[in-house]
Each structure stands twice: as structure tokens, then as C-alpha cells.
Amino acid sequence: MKIPEVKRPPKEILAKVQSLEGKKGMIAAIEPETGEWFLGKDVLEALENGRKKYVNGIFYFVRVGYQSAHAQKGGIKQV
């Protein structure tokens, strides 16, 4: 099964989402074709909110007020 490519939303949409007042730290699931976004306290909640409207939608995730949705801290333990 081929995994579909997730399109990056336009810069204007990303800028609007990143500047949402009082929403810093929330996750936004952005539907790239329409530019609509759906907020949640985590990726799962944002996805669930987006899937209410776009049942089979593929979303682009960002954390409001931050450069990325996730951060990886620590290293990888090699065995």
C-alpha cells in the first residue's frame, strides 16, 4: 500500500495558524487543499476534529506558536 504524500499548506495559512491568539501550544490539523484547520490539545484530538468534516482527509500538523509539532529529546540507544 502506497502512503500518500502530505502537501504543505500555503505560507499564508501557516502564518495565520501560528499567530492564533491564546492557542499557543495547541496542535492544528490543517487540510491543505482548503486551508481549514482543526485544533486539539494533541495530534489525536486535532485529527478527530478534522475527521468530523473530512472523513478520509490527510492533514498537515503544526503546533501553534512553534516551528514543529513534535520534538525528539535524547538519543537513540544502539544495541
PDB file of N, CA and C in Angstrom:
ATOM      1  N   MET A   1       0.839  -1.173   0.000  1.00  0.00           N
ATOM      2  CA  MET A   1       0.000   0.000   0.000  1.00  0.00           C
ATOM      3  C   MET A   1       0.889   1.244   0.000  1.00  0.00           C
ATOM      4  N   LYS A   2       0.625   2.158  -0.924  1.00  0.00           N
ATOM      5  CA  LYS A   2       1.406   3.375  -1.038  1.00  0.00           C
ATOM      6  C   LYS A   2       0.885   4.416  -0.046  1.00  0.00           C
ATOM      7  N   ILE A   3       1.802   5.027   0.677  1.00  0.00           N
ATOM      8  CA  ILE A   3       1.435   6.074   1.620  1.00  0.00           C
ATOM      9  C   ILE A   3       1.336   7.387   0.848  1.00  0.00           C
ATOM     10  N   PRO A   4       0.191   8.070   0.938  1.00  0.00           N
ATOM     11  CA  PRO A   4       0.026   9.325   0.194  1.00  0.00           C
ATOM     12  C   PRO A   4       0.933  10.424   0.737  1.00  0.00           C
ATOM     13  N   GLU A   5       1.376  11.294  -0.148  1.00  0.00           N
ATOM     14  CA  GLU A   5       2.213  12.421   0.236  1.00  0.00           C
ATOM     15  C   GLU A   5       1.334  13.513   0.848  1.00  0.00           C
ATOM     16  N   VAL A   6       1.801  14.107   1.922  1.00  0.00           N
ATOM     17  CA  VAL A   6       1.068  15.185   2.573  1.00  0.00           C
ATOM     18  C   VAL A   6       1.571  16.505   1.991  1.00  0.00           C
ATOM     19  N   LYS A   7       0.656  17.277   1.439  1.00  0.00           N
ATOM     20  CA  LYS A   7       1.016  18.575   0.877  1.00  0.00           C
ATOM     21  C   LYS A   7       1.177  19.594   1.988  1.00  0.00           C
ATOM     22  N   ARG A   8       2.156  20.459   1.821  1.00  0.00           N
ATOM     23  CA  ARG A   8       2.363  21.546   2.769  1.00  0.00           C
ATOM     24  C   ARG A   8       1.362  22.664   2.446  1.00  0.00           C
ATOM     25  N   PRO A   9       0.661  23.166   3.457  1.00  0.00           N
ATOM     26  CA  PRO A   9      -0.285  24.257   3.214  1.00  0.00           C
ATOM     27  C   PRO A   9       0.451  25.520   2.765  1.00  0.00           C
ATOM     28  N   PRO A  10      -0.245  26.448   2.121  1.00  0.00           N
ATOM     29  CA  PRO A  10       0.376  27.712   1.730  1.00  0.00           C
ATOM     30  C   PRO A  10       0.933  28.465   2.945  1.00  0.00           C
ATOM     31  N   LYS A  11       1.962  29.259   2.719  1.00  0.00           N
ATOM     32  CA  LYS A  11       2.605  30.012   3.798  1.00  0.00           C
ATOM     33  C   LYS A  11       1.622  30.929   4.517  1.00  0.00           C
ATOM     34  N   GLU A  12       0.646  31.463   3.786  1.00  0.00           N
ATOM     35  CA  GLU A  12      -0.325  32.362   4.391  1.00  0.00           C
ATOM     36  C   GLU A  12      -1.167  31.643   5.447  1.00  0.00           C
ATOM     37  N   ILE A  13      -1.548  30.414   5.144  1.00  0.00           N
ATOM     38  CA  ILE A  13      -2.346  29.619   6.103  1.00  0.00           C
ATOM     39  C   ILE A  13      -1.503  29.279   7.317  1.00  0.00           C
ATOM     40  N   LEU A  14      -0.268  28.853   7.091  1.00  0.00           N
ATOM     41  CA  LEU A  14       0.615  28.520   8.214  1.00  0.00           C
ATOM     42  C   LEU A  14       0.827  29.739   9.104  1.00  0.00           C
ATOM     43  N   ALA A  15       0.997  30.912   8.514  1.00  0.00           N
ATOM     44  CA  ALA A  15       1.190  32.132   9.297  1.00  0.00           C
ATOM     45  C   ALA A  15      -0.053  32.455  10.129  1.00  0.00           C
ATOM     46  N   LYS A  16      -1.242  32.276   9.555  1.00  0.00           N
ATOM     47  CA  LYS A  16      -2.482  32.520  10.307  1.00  0.00           C
ATOM     48  C   LYS A  16      -2.595  31.584  11.500  1.00  0.00           C
ATOM     49  N   VAL A  17      -2.311  30.305  11.269  1.00  0.00           N
ATOM     50  CA  VAL A  17      -2.408  29.315  12.348  1.00  0.00           C
ATOM     51  C   VAL A  17      -1.381  29.623  13.431  1.00  0.00           C
ATOM     52  N   GLN A  18      -0.160  29.959  13.037  1.00  0.00           N
ATOM     53  CA  GLN A  18       0.895  30.231  14.015  1.00  0.00           C
ATOM     54  C   GLN A  18       0.616  31.468  14.863  1.00  0.00           C
ATOM     55  N   SER A  19      -0.218  32.363  14.374  1.00  0.00           N
ATOM     56  CA  SER A  19      -0.481  33.603  15.105  1.00  0.00           C
ATOM     57  C   SER A  19      -1.817  33.597  15.853  1.00  0.00           C
ATOM     58  N   LEU A  20      -2.432  32.434  16.019  1.00  0.00           N
ATOM     59  CA  LEU A  20      -3.716  32.369  16.735  1.00  0.00           C
ATOM     60  C   LEU A  20      -3.536  32.800  18.191  1.00  0.00           C
ATOM     61  N   GLU A  21      -4.265  33.826  18.596  1.00  0.00           N
ATOM     62  CA  GLU A  21      -4.187  34.357  19.960  1.00  0.00           C
ATOM     63  C   GLU A  21      -4.745  33.352  20.970  1.00  0.00           C
ATOM     64  N   GLY A  22      -4.019  33.151  22.040  1.00  0.00           N
ATOM     65  CA  GLY A  22      -4.486  32.301  23.121  1.00  0.00           C
ATOM     66  C   GLY A  22      -4.483  30.810  22.823  1.00  0.00           C
ATOM     67  N   LYS A  23      -3.875  30.399  21.710  1.00  0.00           N
ATOM     68  CA  LYS A  23      -3.882  28.985  21.332  1.00  0.00           C
ATOM     69  C   LYS A  23      -2.484  28.379  21.303  1.00  0.00           C
ATOM     70  N   LYS A  24      -1.472  29.128  21.775  1.00  0.00           N
ATOM     71  CA  LYS A  24      -0.088  28.645  21.733  1.00  0.00           C
ATOM     72  C   LYS A  24       0.034  27.289  22.417  1.00  0.00           C
ATOM     73  N   GLY A  25       0.695  26.363  21.737  1.00  0.00           N
ATOM     74  CA  GLY A  25       0.918  25.027  22.266  1.00  0.00           C
ATOM     75  C   GLY A  25      -0.086  23.997  21.779  1.00  0.00           C
ATOM     76  N   MET A  26      -1.218  24.460  21.245  1.00  0.00           N
ATOM     77  CA  MET A  26      -2.208  23.516  20.718  1.00  0.00           C
ATOM     78  C   MET A  26      -1.722  22.967  19.381  1.00  0.00           C
ATOM     79  N   ILE A  27      -2.265  21.836  18.975  1.00  0.00           N
ATOM     80  CA  ILE A  27      -1.944  21.236  17.686  1.00  0.00           C
ATOM     81  C   ILE A  27      -3.035  21.603  16.695  1.00  0.00           C
ATOM     82  N   ALA A  28      -2.618  21.995  15.495  1.00  0.00           N
ATOM     83  CA  ALA A  28      -3.562  22.284  14.418  1.00  0.00           C
ATOM     84  C   ALA A  28      -3.397  21.230  13.337  1.00  0.00           C
ATOM     85  N   ALA A  29      -4.507  20.602  12.955  1.00  0.00           N
ATOM     86  CA  ALA A  29      -4.550  19.692  11.811  1.00  0.00           C
ATOM     87  C   ALA A  29      -5.071  20.518  10.647  1.00  0.00           C
ATOM     88  N   ILE A  30      -4.211  20.746   9.649  1.00  0.00           N
ATOM     89  CA  ILE A  30      -4.579  21.597   8.523  1.00  0.00           C
ATOM     90  C   ILE A  30      -4.900  20.724   7.325  1.00  0.00           C
ATOM     91  N   GLU A  31      -6.060  20.958   6.710  1.00  0.00           N
ATOM     92  CA  GLU A  31      -6.438  20.288   5.475  1.00  0.00           C
ATOM     93  C   GLU A  31      -5.853  21.149   4.351  1.00  0.00           C
ATOM     94  N   PRO A  32      -4.774  20.689   3.703  1.00  0.00           N
ATOM     95  CA  PRO A  32      -4.018  21.523   2.775  1.00  0.00           C
ATOM     96  C   PRO A  32      -4.793  22.040   1.564  1.00  0.00           C
ATOM     97  N   GLU A  33      -5.757  21.295   1.068  1.00  0.00           N
ATOM     98  CA  GLU A  33      -6.485  21.717  -0.129  1.00  0.00           C
ATOM     99  C   GLU A  33      -7.394  22.916   0.151  1.00  0.00           C
ATOM    100  N   THR A  34      -8.019  22.943   1.325  1.00  0.00           N
ATOM    101  CA  THR A  34      -8.963  24.009   1.659  1.00  0.00           C
ATOM    102  C   THR A  34      -8.354  25.072   2.573  1.00  0.00           C
ATOM    103  N   GLY A  35      -7.312  24.702   3.305  1.00  0.00           N
ATOM    104  CA  GLY A  35      -6.707  25.623   4.262  1.00  0.00           C
ATOM    105  C   GLY A  35      -7.424  25.660   5.596  1.00  0.00           C
ATOM    106  N   GLU A  36      -8.450  24.835   5.778  1.00  0.00           N
ATOM    107  CA  GLU A  36      -9.158  24.783   7.061  1.00  0.00           C
ATOM    108  C   GLU A  36      -8.279  24.099   8.098  1.00  0.00           C
ATOM    109  N   TRP A  37      -8.390  24.558   9.339  1.00  0.00           N
ATOM    110  CA  TRP A  37      -7.646  23.901  10.399  1.00  0.00           C
ATOM    111  C   TRP A  37      -8.564  23.542  11.549  1.00  0.00           C
ATOM    112  N   PHE A  38      -8.115  22.531  12.289  1.00  0.00           N
ATOM    113  CA  PHE A  38      -8.883  21.987  13.404  1.00  0.00           C
ATOM    114  C   PHE A  38      -7.933  21.841  14.578  1.00  0.00           C
ATOM    115  N   LEU A  39      -8.287  22.419  15.705  1.00  0.00           N
ATOM    116  CA  LEU A  39      -7.402  22.437  16.862  1.00  0.00           C
ATOM    117  C   LEU A  39      -7.688  21.300  17.829  1.00  0.00           C
ATOM    118  N   GLY A  40      -6.639  20.922  18.558  1.00  0.00           N
ATOM    119  CA  GLY A  40      -6.757  19.926  19.609  1.00  0.00           C
ATOM    120  C   GLY A  40      -5.608  20.075  20.583  1.00  0.00           C
ATOM    121  N   LYS A  41      -5.747  19.468  21.758  1.00  0.00           N
ATOM    122  CA  LYS A  41      -4.666  19.542  22.737  1.00  0.00           C
ATOM    123  C   LYS A  41      -3.493  18.643  22.349  1.00  0.00           C
ATOM    124  N   ASP A  42      -3.760  17.671  21.447  1.00  0.00           N
ATOM    125  CA  ASP A  42      -2.714  16.792  20.924  1.00  0.00           C
ATOM    126  C   ASP A  42      -3.086  16.401  19.488  1.00  0.00           C
ATOM    127  N   VAL A  43      -2.201  15.647  18.841  1.00  0.00           N
ATOM    128  CA  VAL A  43      -2.414  15.266  17.442  1.00  0.00           C
ATOM    129  C   VAL A  43      -3.697  14.461  17.280  1.00  0.00           C
ATOM    130  N   LEU A  44      -3.948  13.539  18.182  1.00  0.00           N
ATOM    131  CA  LEU A  44      -5.133  12.694  18.071  1.00  0.00           C
ATOM    132  C   LEU A  44      -6.420  13.515  18.140  1.00  0.00           C
ATOM    133  N   GLU A  45      -6.494  14.451  19.079  1.00  0.00           N
ATOM    134  CA  GLU A  45      -7.696  15.268  19.208  1.00  0.00           C
ATOM    135  C   GLU A  45      -7.884  16.172  17.984  1.00  0.00           C
ATOM    136  N   ALA A  46      -6.795  16.763  17.481  1.00  0.00           N
ATOM    137  CA  ALA A  46      -6.889  17.611  16.283  1.00  0.00           C
ATOM    138  C   ALA A  46      -7.332  16.780  15.080  1.00  0.00           C
ATOM    139  N   LEU A  47      -6.801  15.568  14.952  1.00  0.00           N
ATOM    140  CA  LEU A  47      -7.186  14.672  13.864  1.00  0.00           C
ATOM    141  C   LEU A  47      -8.662  14.291  13.969  1.00  0.00           C
ATOM    142  N   GLU A  48      -9.102  13.940  15.164  1.00  0.00           N
ATOM    143  CA  GLU A  48     -10.510  13.585  15.363  1.00  0.00           C
ATOM    144  C   GLU A  48     -11.421  14.748  14.982  1.00  0.00           C
ATOM    145  N   ASN A  49     -11.028  15.971  15.337  1.00  0.00           N
ATOM    146  CA  ASN A  49     -11.839  17.142  14.994  1.00  0.00           C
ATOM    147  C   ASN A  49     -11.872  17.359  13.481  1.00  0.00           C
ATOM    148  N   GLY A  50     -10.743  17.156  12.820  1.00  0.00           N
ATOM    149  CA  GLY A  50     -10.698  17.293  11.366  1.00  0.00           C
ATOM    150  C   GLY A  50     -11.482  16.220  10.642  1.00  0.00           C
ATOM    151  N   ARG A  51     -11.441  15.007  11.162  1.00  0.00           N
ATOM    152  CA  ARG A  51     -12.137  13.887  10.525  1.00  0.00           C
ATOM    153  C   ARG A  51     -13.653  13.990  10.643  1.00  0.00           C
ATOM    154  N   LYS A  52     -14.146  14.839  11.521  1.00  0.00           N
ATOM    155  CA  LYS A  52     -15.591  15.059  11.597  1.00  0.00           C
ATOM    156  C   LYS A  52     -16.103  15.670  10.296  1.00  0.00           C
ATOM    157  N   LYS A  53     -15.266  16.493   9.652  1.00  0.00           N
ATOM    158  CA  LYS A  53     -15.659  17.132   8.403  1.00  0.00           C
ATOM    159  C   LYS A  53     -15.059  16.426   7.195  1.00  0.00           C
ATOM    160  N   TYR A  54     -13.789  16.044   7.285  1.00  0.00           N
ATOM    161  CA  TYR A  54     -13.085  15.380   6.182  1.00  0.00           C
ATOM    162  C   TYR A  54     -12.755  13.953   6.618  1.00  0.00           C
ATOM    163  N   VAL A  55     -13.707  13.066   6.440  1.00  0.00           N
ATOM    164  CA  VAL A  55     -13.623  11.695   6.955  1.00  0.00           C
ATOM    165  C   VAL A  55     -12.346  10.976   6.503  1.00  0.00           C
ATOM    166  N   ASN A  56     -11.983  11.139   5.251  1.00  0.00           N
ATOM    167  CA  ASN A  56     -10.779  10.476   4.736  1.00  0.00           C
ATOM    168  C   ASN A  56      -9.660  11.474   4.471  1.00  0.00           C
ATOM    169  N   GLY A  57      -9.711  12.628   5.132  1.00  0.00           N
ATOM    170  CA  GLY A  57      -8.736  13.684   4.891  1.00  0.00           C
ATOM    171  C   GLY A  57      -7.332  13.308   5.324  1.00  0.00           C
ATOM    172  N   ILE A  58      -6.382  13.920   4.652  1.00  0.00           N
ATOM    173  CA  ILE A  58      -4.975  13.794   5.019  1.00  0.00           C
ATOM    174  C   ILE A  58      -4.559  15.176   5.499  1.00  0.00           C
ATOM    175  N   PHE A  59      -4.047  15.260   6.715  1.00  0.00           N
ATOM    176  CA  PHE A  59      -3.794  16.536   7.358  1.00  0.00           C
ATOM    177  C   PHE A  59      -2.309  16.803   7.562  1.00  0.00           C
ATOM    178  N   TYR A  60      -1.986  18.080   7.618  1.00  0.00           N
ATOM    179  CA  TYR A  60      -0.644  18.557   7.921  1.00  0.00           C
ATOM    180  C   TYR A  60      -0.724  19.132   9.332  1.00  0.00           C
ATOM    181  N   PHE A  61       0.171  18.697  10.229  1.00  0.00           N
ATOM    182  CA  PHE A  61       0.091  19.090  11.634  1.00  0.00           C
ATOM    183  C   PHE A  61       1.170  20.097  12.005  1.00  0.00           C
ATOM    184  N   VAL A  62       0.777  21.103  12.779  1.00  0.00           N
ATOM    185  CA  VAL A  62       1.725  22.060  13.347  1.00  0.00           C
ATOM    186  C   VAL A  62       1.309  22.347  14.787  1.00  0.00           C
ATOM    187  N   ARG A  63       2.291  22.747  15.577  1.00  0.00           N
ATOM    188  CA  ARG A  63       1.998  23.192  16.938  1.00  0.00           C
ATOM    189  C   ARG A  63       1.933  24.715  16.890  1.00  0.00           C
ATOM    190  N   VAL A  64       0.832  25.276  17.336  1.00  0.00           N
ATOM    191  CA  VAL A  64       0.620  26.717  17.277  1.00  0.00           C
ATOM    192  C   VAL A  64       1.693  27.437  18.102  1.00  0.00           C
ATOM    193  N   GLY A  65       2.391  28.370  17.443  1.00  0.00           N
ATOM    194  CA  GLY A  65       3.422  29.162  18.109  1.00  0.00           C
ATOM    195  C   GLY A  65       4.804  28.536  18.129  1.00  0.00           C
ATOM    196  N   TYR A  66       4.969  27.368  17.499  1.00  0.00           N
ATOM    197  CA  TYR A  66       6.253  26.669  17.472  1.00  0.00           C
ATOM    198  C   TYR A  66       6.599  26.276  16.038  1.00  0.00           C
ATOM    199  N   GLN A  67       7.870  25.955  15.802  1.00  0.00           N
ATOM    200  CA  GLN A  67       8.325  25.603  14.463  1.00  0.00           C
ATOM    201  C   GLN A  67       7.918  24.198  14.039  1.00  0.00           C
ATOM    202  N   SER A  68       7.672  23.324  14.990  1.00  0.00           N
ATOM    203  CA  SER A  68       7.306  21.951  14.632  1.00  0.00           C
ATOM    204  C   SER A  68       6.247  21.425  15.596  1.00  0.00           C
ATOM    205  N   ALA A  69       5.620  20.338  15.185  1.00  0.00           N
ATOM    206  CA  ALA A  69       4.589  19.735  16.029  1.00  0.00           C
ATOM    207  C   ALA A  69       5.187  18.869  17.121  1.00  0.00           C
ATOM    208  N   HIS A  70       6.364  18.280  16.858  1.00  0.00           N
ATOM    209  CA  HIS A  70       6.988  17.359  17.802  1.00  0.00           C
ATOM    210  C   HIS A  70       8.458  17.679  17.969  1.00  0.00           C
ATOM    211  N   ALA A  71       8.999  17.320  19.090  1.00  0.00           N
ATOM    212  CA  ALA A  71      10.433  17.428  19.329  1.00  0.00           C
ATOM    213  C   ALA A  71      10.916  16.100  19.878  1.00  0.00           C
ATOM    214  N   GLN A  72      12.071  15.678  19.435  1.00  0.00           N
ATOM    215  CA  GLN A  72      12.653  14.429  19.927  1.00  0.00           C
ATOM    216  C   GLN A  72      13.820  14.813  20.808  1.00  0.00           C
ATOM    217  N   LYS A  73      13.757  14.390  22.061  1.00  0.00           N
ATOM    218  CA  LYS A  73      14.829  14.704  23.002  1.00  0.00           C
ATOM    219  C   LYS A  73      15.530  13.416  23.392  1.00  0.00           C
ATOM    220  N   GLY A  74      16.814  13.494  23.562  1.00  0.00           N
ATOM    221  CA  GLY A  74      17.575  12.314  23.913  1.00  0.00           C
ATOM    222  C   GLY A  74      18.125  11.643  22.666  1.00  0.00           C
ATOM    223  N   GLY A  75      18.785  10.570  22.845  1.00  0.00           N
ATOM    224  CA  GLY A  75      19.400   9.878  21.731  1.00  0.00           C
ATOM    225  C   GLY A  75      18.732   8.549  21.452  1.00  0.00           C
ATOM    226  N   ILE A  76      19.278   7.869  20.498  1.00  0.00           N
ATOM    227  CA  ILE A  76      18.795   6.534  20.153  1.00  0.00           C
ATOM    228  C   ILE A  76      19.781   5.526  20.726  1.00  0.00           C
ATOM    229  N   LYS A  77      19.268   4.624  21.490  1.00  0.00           N
ATOM    230  CA  LYS A  77      20.112   3.607  22.093  1.00  0.00           C
ATOM    231  C   LYS A  77      20.415   2.529  21.074  1.00  0.00           C
ATOM    232  N   GLN A  78      21.675   2.324  20.819  1.00  0.00           N
ATOM    233  CA  GLN A  78      22.075   1.279  19.879  1.00  0.00           C
ATOM    234  C   GLN A  78      22.411   0.022  20.663  1.00  0.00           C
ATOM    235  N   VAL A  79      21.945  -1.086  20.168  1.00  0.00           N
ATOM    236  CA  VAL A  79      22.146  -2.354  20.859  1.00  0.00           C
ATOM    237  C   VAL A  79      23.313  -3.068  20.239  1.00  0.00           C
TER     238      VAL A  79
END
